[in-house]
Amino acid sequence: MNNNDLLGLVLSGFIGALTNLFHALYRNTVRDGRHLLIRFVISMLAICPAYLFCEYMNFKRDVAFIIGYVFGTLGDRVINELYRKERRFYDFFIGSIEKTGKNQD
């Protein structure tokens, strides 16, 4: 994969991450700015496995851009799973655990 293809993959993943954030804002699933930042960072980090996957499978340029977009869009599903299954772990990272160790609800 040459530099232009890599840049296109990153840009398509960035657009996917923005799509995901706009959808989260529309659905009102974001608590605050920190939560929004965490979702964005996870969505952007999901581009790294997309690059590795495209490089390993030796996909064409157009398919690599589509995969980058999908990985950027679905990257925050990791956060949703953490929130659903491991709420205290997630609350620790967004800073909403009280000093006594209980969740603020």
PDB file of N, CA and C in Angstrom:
ATOM      1  N   MET A   1       0.859  -1.161   0.000  1.00  0.00           N
ATOM      2  CA  MET A   1       0.000   0.000   0.000  1.00  0.00           C
ATOM      3  C   MET A   1       0.911   1.231   0.000  1.00  0.00           C
ATOM      4  N   ASN A   2       0.720   2.095  -0.984  1.00  0.00           N
ATOM      5  CA  ASN A   2       1.560   3.288  -1.064  1.00  0.00           C
ATOM      6  C   ASN A   2       1.016   4.399  -0.160  1.00  0.00           C
ATOM      7  N   ASN A   3       1.725   5.503  -0.111  1.00  0.00           N
ATOM      8  CA  ASN A   3       1.364   6.589   0.815  1.00  0.00           C
ATOM      9  C   ASN A   3       0.005   7.197   0.509  1.00  0.00           C
ATOM     10  N   ASN A   4      -0.347   7.336  -0.767  1.00  0.00           N
ATOM     11  CA  ASN A   4      -1.653   7.913  -1.114  1.00  0.00           C
ATOM     12  C   ASN A   4      -2.789   7.002  -0.665  1.00  0.00           C
ATOM     13  N   ASP A   5      -2.599   5.693  -0.822  1.00  0.00           N
ATOM     14  CA  ASP A   5      -3.633   4.763  -0.374  1.00  0.00           C
ATOM     15  C   ASP A   5      -3.773   4.779   1.144  1.00  0.00           C
ATOM     16  N   LEU A   6      -2.656   4.873   1.844  1.00  0.00           N
ATOM     17  CA  LEU A   6      -2.697   4.940   3.301  1.00  0.00           C
ATOM     18  C   LEU A   6      -3.392   6.216   3.760  1.00  0.00           C
ATOM     19  N   LEU A   7      -3.086   7.326   3.123  1.00  0.00           N
ATOM     20  CA  LEU A   7      -3.752   8.592   3.465  1.00  0.00           C
ATOM     21  C   LEU A   7      -5.253   8.497   3.186  1.00  0.00           C
ATOM     22  N   GLY A   8      -5.626   7.882   2.079  1.00  0.00           N
ATOM     23  CA  GLY A   8      -7.046   7.702   1.776  1.00  0.00           C
ATOM     24  C   GLY A   8      -7.739   6.815   2.791  1.00  0.00           C
ATOM     25  N   LEU A   9      -7.048   5.772   3.247  1.00  0.00           N
ATOM     26  CA  LEU A   9      -7.610   4.889   4.268  1.00  0.00           C
ATOM     27  C   LEU A   9      -7.827   5.649   5.572  1.00  0.00           C
ATOM     28  N   VAL A  10      -6.859   6.453   5.963  1.00  0.00           N
ATOM     29  CA  VAL A  10      -6.984   7.233   7.205  1.00  0.00           C
ATOM     30  C   VAL A  10      -8.092   8.269   7.070  1.00  0.00           C
ATOM     31  N   LEU A  11      -8.174   8.940   5.932  1.00  0.00           N
ATOM     32  CA  LEU A  11      -9.228   9.946   5.741  1.00  0.00           C
ATOM     33  C   LEU A  11     -10.615   9.311   5.720  1.00  0.00           C
ATOM     34  N   SER A  12     -10.743   8.159   5.080  1.00  0.00           N
ATOM     35  CA  SER A  12     -12.054   7.499   5.073  1.00  0.00           C
ATOM     36  C   SER A  12     -12.413   7.011   6.468  1.00  0.00           C
ATOM     37  N   GLY A  13     -11.422   6.553   7.247  1.00  0.00           N
ATOM     38  CA  GLY A  13     -11.684   6.179   8.637  1.00  0.00           C
ATOM     39  C   GLY A  13     -12.071   7.383   9.478  1.00  0.00           C
ATOM     40  N   PHE A  14     -11.444   8.528   9.224  1.00  0.00           N
ATOM     41  CA  PHE A  14     -11.783   9.763   9.923  1.00  0.00           C
ATOM     42  C   PHE A  14     -13.222  10.174   9.615  1.00  0.00           C
ATOM     43  N   ILE A  15     -13.611  10.071   8.367  1.00  0.00           N
ATOM     44  CA  ILE A  15     -14.990  10.402   7.989  1.00  0.00           C
ATOM     45  C   ILE A  15     -15.965   9.433   8.652  1.00  0.00           C
ATOM     46  N   GLY A  16     -15.583   8.159   8.729  1.00  0.00           N
ATOM     47  CA  GLY A  16     -16.412   7.185   9.435  1.00  0.00           C
ATOM     48  C   GLY A  16     -16.538   7.510  10.911  1.00  0.00           C
ATOM     49  N   ALA A  17     -15.442   7.943  11.533  1.00  0.00           N
ATOM     50  CA  ALA A  17     -15.482   8.322  12.950  1.00  0.00           C
ATOM     51  C   ALA A  17     -16.384   9.534  13.160  1.00  0.00           C
ATOM     52  N   LEU A  18     -16.304  10.509  12.260  1.00  0.00           N
ATOM     53  CA  LEU A  18     -17.189  11.679  12.367  1.00  0.00           C
ATOM     54  C   LEU A  18     -18.650  11.289  12.174  1.00  0.00           C
ATOM     55  N   THR A  19     -18.915  10.389  11.239  1.00  0.00           N
ATOM     56  CA  THR A  19     -20.280   9.899  11.043  1.00  0.00           C
ATOM     57  C   THR A  19     -20.799   9.260  12.320  1.00  0.00           C
ATOM     58  N   ASN A  20     -19.945   8.481  12.955  1.00  0.00           N
ATOM     59  CA  ASN A  20     -20.320   7.829  14.195  1.00  0.00           C
ATOM     60  C   ASN A  20     -20.613   8.846  15.289  1.00  0.00           C
ATOM     61  N   LEU A  21     -19.793   9.886  15.396  1.00  0.00           N
ATOM     62  CA  LEU A  21     -20.020  10.904  16.417  1.00  0.00           C
ATOM     63  C   LEU A  21     -21.298  11.691  16.171  1.00  0.00           C
ATOM     64  N   PHE A  22     -21.548  12.032  14.929  1.00  0.00           N
ATOM     65  CA  PHE A  22     -22.790  12.752  14.619  1.00  0.00           C
ATOM     66  C   PHE A  22     -24.005  11.891  14.938  1.00  0.00           C
ATOM     67  N   HIS A  23     -23.903  10.596  14.674  1.00  0.00           N
ATOM     68  CA  HIS A  23     -24.999   9.700  14.995  1.00  0.00           C
ATOM     69  C   HIS A  23     -25.195   9.611  16.508  1.00  0.00           C
ATOM     70  N   ALA A  24     -24.096   9.571  17.260  1.00  0.00           N
ATOM     71  CA  ALA A  24     -24.195   9.520  18.722  1.00  0.00           C
ATOM     72  C   ALA A  24     -24.813  10.808  19.264  1.00  0.00           C
ATOM     73  N   LEU A  25     -24.444  11.940  18.692  1.00  0.00           N
ATOM     74  CA  LEU A  25     -25.036  13.203  19.128  1.00  0.00           C
ATOM     75  C   LEU A  25     -26.513  13.270  18.765  1.00  0.00           C
ATOM     76  N   TYR A  26     -26.861  12.755  17.609  1.00  0.00           N
ATOM     77  CA  TYR A  26     -28.259  12.744  17.183  1.00  0.00           C
ATOM     78  C   TYR A  26     -29.109  11.863  18.100  1.00  0.00           C
ATOM     79  N   ARG A  27     -28.555  10.709  18.478  1.00  0.00           N
ATOM     80  CA  ARG A  27     -29.280   9.776  19.340  1.00  0.00           C
ATOM     81  C   ARG A  27     -29.185  10.161  20.809  1.00  0.00           C
ATOM     82  N   ASN A  28     -28.397  11.195  21.113  1.00  0.00           N
ATOM     83  CA  ASN A  28     -28.223  11.695  22.476  1.00  0.00           C
ATOM     84  C   ASN A  28     -27.664  10.613  23.410  1.00  0.00           C
ATOM     85  N   THR A  29     -26.627   9.910  22.945  1.00  0.00           N
ATOM     86  CA  THR A  29     -25.996   8.869  23.747  1.00  0.00           C
ATOM     87  C   THR A  29     -24.668   9.323  24.336  1.00  0.00           C
ATOM     88  N   VAL A  30     -24.318  10.581  24.153  1.00  0.00           N
ATOM     89  CA  VAL A  30     -23.056  11.110  24.666  1.00  0.00           C
ATOM     90  C   VAL A  30     -23.339  11.920  25.914  1.00  0.00           C
ATOM     91  N   ARG A  31     -22.617  11.627  26.989  1.00  0.00           N
ATOM     92  CA  ARG A  31     -22.834  12.324  28.254  1.00  0.00           C
ATOM     93  C   ARG A  31     -22.199  13.703  28.290  1.00  0.00           C
ATOM     94  N   ASP A  32     -20.914  13.761  27.930  1.00  0.00           N
ATOM     95  CA  ASP A  32     -20.190  15.027  28.017  1.00  0.00           C
ATOM     96  C   ASP A  32     -19.053  15.021  27.006  1.00  0.00           C
ATOM     97  N   GLY A  33     -18.230  16.052  27.062  1.00  0.00           N
ATOM     98  CA  GLY A  33     -17.135  16.184  26.108  1.00  0.00           C
ATOM     99  C   GLY A  33     -16.090  15.087  26.229  1.00  0.00           C
ATOM    100  N   ARG A  34     -15.828  14.646  27.450  1.00  0.00           N
ATOM    101  CA  ARG A  34     -14.851  13.578  27.651  1.00  0.00           C
ATOM    102  C   ARG A  34     -15.334  12.273  27.009  1.00  0.00           C
ATOM    103  N   HIS A  35     -16.602  11.998  27.164  1.00  0.00           N
ATOM    104  CA  HIS A  35     -17.195  10.811  26.563  1.00  0.00           C
ATOM    105  C   HIS A  35     -17.097  10.881  25.036  1.00  0.00           C
ATOM    106  N   LEU A  36     -17.343  12.049  24.500  1.00  0.00           N
ATOM    107  CA  LEU A  36     -17.245  12.252  23.056  1.00  0.00           C
ATOM    108  C   LEU A  36     -15.805  12.071  22.584  1.00  0.00           C
ATOM    109  N   LEU A  37     -14.856  12.580  23.332  1.00  0.00           N
ATOM    110  CA  LEU A  37     -13.448  12.434  22.978  1.00  0.00           C
ATOM    111  C   LEU A  37     -13.008  10.975  23.013  1.00  0.00           C
ATOM    112  N   ILE A  38     -13.439  10.234  24.015  1.00  0.00           N
ATOM    113  CA  ILE A  38     -13.088   8.819  24.104  1.00  0.00           C
ATOM    114  C   ILE A  38     -13.652   8.053  22.920  1.00  0.00           C
ATOM    115  N   ARG A  39     -14.884   8.341  22.554  1.00  0.00           N
ATOM    116  CA  ARG A  39     -15.479   7.666  21.390  1.00  0.00           C
ATOM    117  C   ARG A  39     -14.696   7.972  20.124  1.00  0.00           C
ATOM    118  N   PHE A  40     -14.285   9.226  19.969  1.00  0.00           N
ATOM    119  CA  PHE A  40     -13.541   9.613  18.778  1.00  0.00           C
ATOM    120  C   PHE A  40     -12.172   8.934  18.730  1.00  0.00           C
ATOM    121  N   VAL A  41     -11.480   8.900  19.854  1.00  0.00           N
ATOM    122  CA  VAL A  41     -10.151   8.282  19.891  1.00  0.00           C
ATOM    123  C   VAL A  41     -10.239   6.794  19.585  1.00  0.00           C
ATOM    124  N   ILE A  42     -11.207   6.113  20.156  1.00  0.00           N
ATOM    125  CA  ILE A  42     -11.369   4.677  19.872  1.00  0.00           C
ATOM    126  C   ILE A  42     -11.709   4.460  18.403  1.00  0.00           C
ATOM    127  N   SER A  43     -12.548   5.300  17.842  1.00  0.00           N
ATOM    128  CA  SER A  43     -12.884   5.169  16.421  1.00  0.00           C
ATOM    129  C   SER A  43     -11.663   5.389  15.548  1.00  0.00           C
ATOM    130  N   MET A  44     -10.813   6.344  15.922  1.00  0.00           N
ATOM    131  CA  MET A  44      -9.602   6.581  15.142  1.00  0.00           C
ATOM    132  C   MET A  44      -8.587   5.454  15.322  1.00  0.00           C
ATOM    133  N   LEU A  45      -8.508   4.890  16.509  1.00  0.00           N
ATOM    134  CA  LEU A  45      -7.585   3.781  16.735  1.00  0.00           C
ATOM    135  C   LEU A  45      -8.011   2.515  15.993  1.00  0.00           C
ATOM    136  N   ALA A  46      -9.276   2.428  15.666  1.00  0.00           N
ATOM    137  CA  ALA A  46      -9.752   1.265  14.921  1.00  0.00           C
ATOM    138  C   ALA A  46      -9.241   1.256  13.487  1.00  0.00           C
ATOM    139  N   ILE A  47      -8.657   2.354  13.049  1.00  0.00           N
ATOM    140  CA  ILE A  47      -8.110   2.413  11.694  1.00  0.00           C
ATOM    141  C   ILE A  47      -6.835   1.571  11.586  1.00  0.00           C
ATOM    142  N   CYS A  48      -6.108   1.435  12.688  1.00  0.00           N
ATOM    143  CA  CYS A  48      -4.872   0.626  12.661  1.00  0.00           C
ATOM    144  C   CYS A  48      -5.145  -0.828  12.288  1.00  0.00           C
ATOM    145  N   PRO A  49      -6.108  -1.509  12.917  1.00  0.00           N
ATOM    146  CA  PRO A  49      -6.402  -2.869  12.457  1.00  0.00           C
ATOM    147  C   PRO A  49      -6.950  -2.906  11.035  1.00  0.00           C
ATOM    148  N   ALA A  50      -7.636  -1.833  10.616  1.00  0.00           N
ATOM    149  CA  ALA A  50      -8.126  -1.782   9.237  1.00  0.00           C
ATOM    150  C   ALA A  50      -6.961  -1.766   8.261  1.00  0.00           C
ATOM    151  N   TYR A  51      -5.938  -0.988   8.583  1.00  0.00           N
ATOM    152  CA  TYR A  51      -4.759  -0.944   7.724  1.00  0.00           C
ATOM    153  C   TYR A  51      -4.075  -2.306   7.674  1.00  0.00           C
ATOM    154  N   LEU A  52      -3.897  -2.920   8.829  1.00  0.00           N
ATOM    155  CA  LEU A  52      -3.249  -4.234   8.864  1.00  0.00           C
ATOM    156  C   LEU A  52      -4.049  -5.271   8.092  1.00  0.00           C
ATOM    157  N   PHE A  53      -5.358  -5.224   8.232  1.00  0.00           N
ATOM    158  CA  PHE A  53      -6.229  -6.158   7.522  1.00  0.00           C
ATOM    159  C   PHE A  53      -6.122  -5.952   6.014  1.00  0.00           C
ATOM    160  N   CYS A  54      -6.159  -4.708   5.576  1.00  0.00           N
ATOM    161  CA  CYS A  54      -6.075  -4.418   4.137  1.00  0.00           C
ATOM    162  C   CYS A  54      -4.699  -4.768   3.580  1.00  0.00           C
ATOM    163  N   GLU A  55      -3.680  -4.531   4.366  1.00  0.00           N
ATOM    164  CA  GLU A  55      -2.326  -4.849   3.915  1.00  0.00           C
ATOM    165  C   GLU A  55      -2.128  -6.362   3.812  1.00  0.00           C
ATOM    166  N   TYR A  56      -2.640  -7.092   4.772  1.00  0.00           N
ATOM    167  CA  TYR A  56      -2.505  -8.547   4.771  1.00  0.00           C
ATOM    168  C   TYR A  56      -3.298  -9.185   3.633  1.00  0.00           C
ATOM    169  N   MET A  57      -4.519  -8.702   3.433  1.00  0.00           N
ATOM    170  CA  MET A  57      -5.382  -9.290   2.398  1.00  0.00           C
ATOM    171  C   MET A  57      -5.076  -8.727   1.009  1.00  0.00           C
ATOM    172  N   ASN A  58      -4.249  -7.680   0.950  1.00  0.00           N
ATOM    173  CA  ASN A  58      -3.836  -7.081  -0.318  1.00  0.00           C
ATOM    174  C   ASN A  58      -5.044  -6.630  -1.152  1.00  0.00           C
ATOM    175  N   PHE A  59      -5.922  -5.862  -0.503  1.00  0.00           N
ATOM    176  CA  PHE A  59      -7.122  -5.361  -1.169  1.00  0.00           C
ATOM    177  C   PHE A  59      -6.776  -4.221  -2.116  1.00  0.00           C
ATOM    178  N   LYS A  60      -7.668  -4.000  -3.066  1.00  0.00           N
ATOM    179  CA  LYS A  60      -7.520  -2.852  -3.961  1.00  0.00           C
ATOM    180  C   LYS A  60      -7.815  -1.577  -3.183  1.00  0.00           C
ATOM    181  N   ARG A  61      -7.488  -0.475  -3.811  1.00  0.00           N
ATOM    182  CA  ARG A  61      -7.611   0.836  -3.175  1.00  0.00           C
ATOM    183  C   ARG A  61      -9.043   1.149  -2.746  1.00  0.00           C
ATOM    184  N   ASP A  62     -10.013   0.920  -3.610  1.00  0.00           N
ATOM    185  CA  ASP A  62     -11.408   1.253  -3.287  1.00  0.00           C
ATOM    186  C   ASP A  62     -11.929   0.419  -2.124  1.00  0.00           C
ATOM    187  N   VAL A  63     -11.593  -0.858  -2.120  1.00  0.00           N
ATOM    188  CA  VAL A  63     -12.048  -1.734  -1.030  1.00  0.00           C
ATOM    189  C   VAL A  63     -11.390  -1.317   0.277  1.00  0.00           C
ATOM    190  N   ALA A  64     -10.120  -0.911   0.225  1.00  0.00           N
ATOM    191  CA  ALA A  64      -9.421  -0.457   1.440  1.00  0.00           C
ATOM    192  C   ALA A  64     -10.087   0.796   2.010  1.00  0.00           C
ATOM    193  N   PHE A  65     -10.545   1.704   1.150  1.00  0.00           N
ATOM    194  CA  PHE A  65     -11.222   2.910   1.629  1.00  0.00           C
ATOM    195  C   PHE A  65     -12.549   2.555   2.300  1.00  0.00           C
ATOM    196  N   ILE A  66     -13.261   1.623   1.729  1.00  0.00           N
ATOM    197  CA  ILE A  66     -14.539   1.190   2.314  1.00  0.00           C
ATOM    198  C   ILE A  66     -14.303   0.543   3.675  1.00  0.00           C
ATOM    199  N   ILE A  67     -13.283  -0.297   3.757  1.00  0.00           N
ATOM    200  CA  ILE A  67     -12.976  -0.956   5.030  1.00  0.00           C
ATOM    201  C   ILE A  67     -12.548   0.081   6.066  1.00  0.00           C
ATOM    202  N   GLY A  68     -11.773   1.078   5.673  1.00  0.00           N
ATOM    203  CA  GLY A  68     -11.387   2.144   6.595  1.00  0.00           C
ATOM    204  C   GLY A  68     -12.597   2.894   7.124  1.00  0.00           C
ATOM    205  N   TYR A  69     -13.561   3.177   6.252  1.00  0.00           N
ATOM    206  CA  TYR A  69     -14.778   3.871   6.676  1.00  0.00           C
ATOM    207  C   TYR A  69     -15.574   3.017   7.666  1.00  0.00           C
ATOM    208  N   VAL A  70     -15.718   1.738   7.356  1.00  0.00           N
ATOM    209  CA  VAL A  70     -16.492   0.849   8.225  1.00  0.00           C
ATOM    210  C   VAL A  70     -15.811   0.705   9.584  1.00  0.00           C
ATOM    211  N   PHE A  71     -14.498   0.545   9.590  1.00  0.00           N
ATOM    212  CA  PHE A  71     -13.796   0.426  10.866  1.00  0.00           C
ATOM    213  C   PHE A  71     -13.892   1.722  11.666  1.00  0.00           C
ATOM    214  N   GLY A  72     -13.828   2.877  11.004  1.00  0.00           N
ATOM    215  CA  GLY A  72     -13.983   4.143  11.708  1.00  0.00           C
ATOM    216  C   GLY A  72     -15.382   4.319  12.270  1.00  0.00           C
ATOM    217  N   THR A  73     -16.370   3.875  11.516  1.00  0.00           N
ATOM    218  CA  THR A  73     -17.753   4.012  11.957  1.00  0.00           C
ATOM    219  C   THR A  73     -18.070   3.077  13.115  1.00  0.00           C
ATOM    220  N   LEU A  74     -17.584   1.861  13.046  1.00  0.00           N
ATOM    221  CA  LEU A  74     -17.936   0.869  14.059  1.00  0.00           C
ATOM    222  C   LEU A  74     -16.907   0.757  15.177  1.00  0.00           C
ATOM    223  N   GLY A  75     -15.902   1.621  15.169  1.00  0.00           N
ATOM    224  CA  GLY A  75     -14.851   1.543  16.178  1.00  0.00           C
ATOM    225  C   GLY A  75     -15.333   1.762  17.587  1.00  0.00           C
ATOM    226  N   ASP A  76     -16.340   2.573  17.782  1.00  0.00           N
ATOM    227  CA  ASP A  76     -16.795   2.837  19.146  1.00  0.00           C
ATOM    228  C   ASP A  76     -17.707   1.741  19.661  1.00  0.00           C
ATOM    229  N   ARG A  77     -18.019   0.768  18.861  1.00  0.00           N
ATOM    230  CA  ARG A  77     -18.798  -0.371  19.363  1.00  0.00           C
ATOM    231  C   ARG A  77     -18.030  -1.082  20.467  1.00  0.00           C
ATOM    232  N   VAL A  78     -16.708  -0.935  20.455  1.00  0.00           N
ATOM    233  CA  VAL A  78     -15.889  -1.456  21.547  1.00  0.00           C
ATOM    234  C   VAL A  78     -16.283  -0.766  22.847  1.00  0.00           C
ATOM    235  N   ILE A  79     -16.477   0.543  22.780  1.00  0.00           N
ATOM    236  CA  ILE A  79     -16.893   1.286  23.974  1.00  0.00           C
ATOM    237  C   ILE A  79     -18.276   0.840  24.425  1.00  0.00           C
ATOM    238  N   ASN A  80     -19.170   0.660  23.484  1.00  0.00           N
ATOM    239  CA  ASN A  80     -20.514   0.227  23.860  1.00  0.00           C
ATOM    240  C   ASN A  80     -20.492  -1.132  24.548  1.00  0.00           C
ATOM    241  N   GLU A  81     -19.650  -2.043  24.086  1.00  0.00           N
ATOM    242  CA  GLU A  81     -19.541  -3.346  24.731  1.00  0.00           C
ATOM    243  C   GLU A  81     -18.923  -3.218  26.119  1.00  0.00           C
ATOM    244  N   LEU A  82     -17.900  -2.377  26.246  1.00  0.00           N
ATOM    245  CA  LEU A  82     -17.313  -2.159  27.566  1.00  0.00           C
ATOM    246  C   LEU A  82     -18.343  -1.570  28.522  1.00  0.00           C
ATOM    247  N   TYR A  83     -19.114  -0.637  28.029  1.00  0.00           N
ATOM    248  CA  TYR A  83     -20.116  -0.008  28.870  1.00  0.00           C
ATOM    249  C   TYR A  83     -21.189  -1.012  29.284  1.00  0.00           C
ATOM    250  N   ARG A  84     -21.580  -1.847  28.347  1.00  0.00           N
ATOM    251  CA  ARG A  84     -22.635  -2.814  28.644  1.00  0.00           C
ATOM    252  C   ARG A  84     -22.156  -3.905  29.583  1.00  0.00           C
ATOM    253  N   LYS A  85     -20.957  -4.418  29.352  1.00  0.00           N
ATOM    254  CA  LYS A  85     -20.477  -5.562  30.126  1.00  0.00           C
ATOM    255  C   LYS A  85     -19.650  -5.161  31.347  1.00  0.00           C
ATOM    256  N   GLU A  86     -18.860  -4.153  31.200  1.00  0.00           N
ATOM    257  CA  GLU A  86     -17.936  -3.764  32.270  1.00  0.00           C
ATOM    258  C   GLU A  86     -18.140  -2.297  32.611  1.00  0.00           C
ATOM    259  N   ARG A  87     -19.258  -1.963  33.164  1.00  0.00           N
ATOM    260  CA  ARG A  87     -19.605  -0.573  33.399  1.00  0.00           C
ATOM    261  C   ARG A  87     -18.628   0.121  34.339  1.00  0.00           C
ATOM    262  N   ARG A  88     -18.171  -0.546  35.376  1.00  0.00           N
ATOM    263  CA  ARG A  88     -17.243   0.092  36.307  1.00  0.00           C
ATOM    264  C   ARG A  88     -15.910   0.388  35.637  1.00  0.00           C
ATOM    265  N   PHE A  89     -15.457  -0.489  34.768  1.00  0.00           N
ATOM    266  CA  PHE A  89     -14.211  -0.263  34.045  1.00  0.00           C
ATOM    267  C   PHE A  89     -14.338   0.979  33.171  1.00  0.00           C
ATOM    268  N   TYR A  90     -15.467   1.093  32.475  1.00  0.00           N
ATOM    269  CA  TYR A  90     -15.716   2.247  31.618  1.00  0.00           C
ATOM    270  C   TYR A  90     -15.868   3.517  32.437  1.00  0.00           C
ATOM    271  N   ASP A  91     -16.608   3.448  33.537  1.00  0.00           N
ATOM    272  CA  ASP A  91     -16.801   4.621  34.387  1.00  0.00           C
ATOM    273  C   ASP A  91     -15.485   5.114  34.977  1.00  0.00           C
ATOM    274  N   PHE A  92     -14.555   4.200  35.230  1.00  0.00           N
ATOM    275  CA  PHE A  92     -13.248   4.596  35.731  1.00  0.00           C
ATOM    276  C   PHE A  92     -12.540   5.496  34.727  1.00  0.00           C
ATOM    277  N   PHE A  93     -12.612   5.149  33.434  1.00  0.00           N
ATOM    278  CA  PHE A  93     -11.899   5.919  32.432  1.00  0.00           C
ATOM    279  C   PHE A  93     -12.571   7.250  32.109  1.00  0.00           C
ATOM    280  N   ILE A  94     -13.874   7.347  32.252  1.00  0.00           N
ATOM    281  CA  ILE A  94     -14.501   8.643  31.996  1.00  0.00           C
ATOM    282  C   ILE A  94     -14.616   9.471  33.263  1.00  0.00           C
ATOM    283  N   GLY A  95     -14.202   8.905  34.395  1.00  0.00           N
ATOM    284  CA  GLY A  95     -14.117   9.678  35.626  1.00  0.00           C
ATOM    285  C   GLY A  95     -15.402   9.858  36.374  1.00  0.00           C
ATOM    286  N   SER A  96     -16.321   8.914  36.295  1.00  0.00           N
ATOM    287  CA  SER A  96     -17.581   9.091  37.014  1.00  0.00           C
ATOM    288  C   SER A  96     -17.726   8.108  38.176  1.00  0.00           C
ATOM    289  N   ILE A  97     -16.614   7.570  38.669  1.00  0.00           N
ATOM    290  CA  ILE A  97     -16.659   6.708  39.852  1.00  0.00           C
ATOM    291  C   ILE A  97     -16.411   7.582  41.070  1.00  0.00           C
ATOM    292  N   GLU A  98     -17.231   7.389  42.086  1.00  0.00           N
ATOM    293  CA  GLU A  98     -17.032   8.123  43.329  1.00  0.00           C
ATOM    294  C   GLU A  98     -15.815   7.580  44.042  1.00  0.00           C
ATOM    295  N   LYS A  99     -15.335   8.314  45.030  1.00  0.00           N
ATOM    296  CA  LYS A  99     -14.171   7.865  45.786  1.00  0.00           C
ATOM    297  C   LYS A  99     -14.455   6.636  46.613  1.00  0.00           C
ATOM    298  N   THR A 100     -15.719   6.370  46.902  1.00  0.00           N
ATOM    299  CA  THR A 100     -16.067   5.173  47.680  1.00  0.00           C
ATOM    300  C   THR A 100     -16.083   3.937  46.797  1.00  0.00           C
ATOM    301  N   GLY A 101     -16.007   4.129  45.472  1.00  0.00           N
ATOM    302  CA  GLY A 101     -15.986   2.982  44.564  1.00  0.00           C
ATOM    303  C   GLY A 101     -17.341   2.634  44.000  1.00  0.00           C
ATOM    304  N   LYS A 102     -18.347   3.451  44.288  1.00  0.00           N
ATOM    305  CA  LYS A 102     -19.674   3.178  43.737  1.00  0.00           C
ATOM    306  C   LYS A 102     -19.935   4.081  42.555  1.00  0.00           C
ATOM    307  N   ASN A 103     -20.797   3.624  41.646  1.00  0.00           N
ATOM    308  CA  ASN A 103     -21.165   4.415  40.467  1.00  0.00           C
ATOM    309  C   ASN A 103     -22.114   5.539  40.849  1.00  0.00           C
ATOM    310  N   GLN A 104     -22.005   6.620  40.143  1.00  0.00           N
ATOM    311  CA  GLN A 104     -22.958   7.713  40.308  1.00  0.00           C
ATOM    312  C   GLN A 104     -24.118   7.477  39.355  1.00  0.00           C
ATOM    313  N   ASP A 105     -25.258   7.271  39.873  1.00  0.00           N
ATOM    314  CA  ASP A 105     -26.452   7.071  39.023  1.00  0.00           C
ATOM    315  C   ASP A 105     -27.507   8.065  39.367  1.00  0.00           C
TER     316      ASP A 105
END
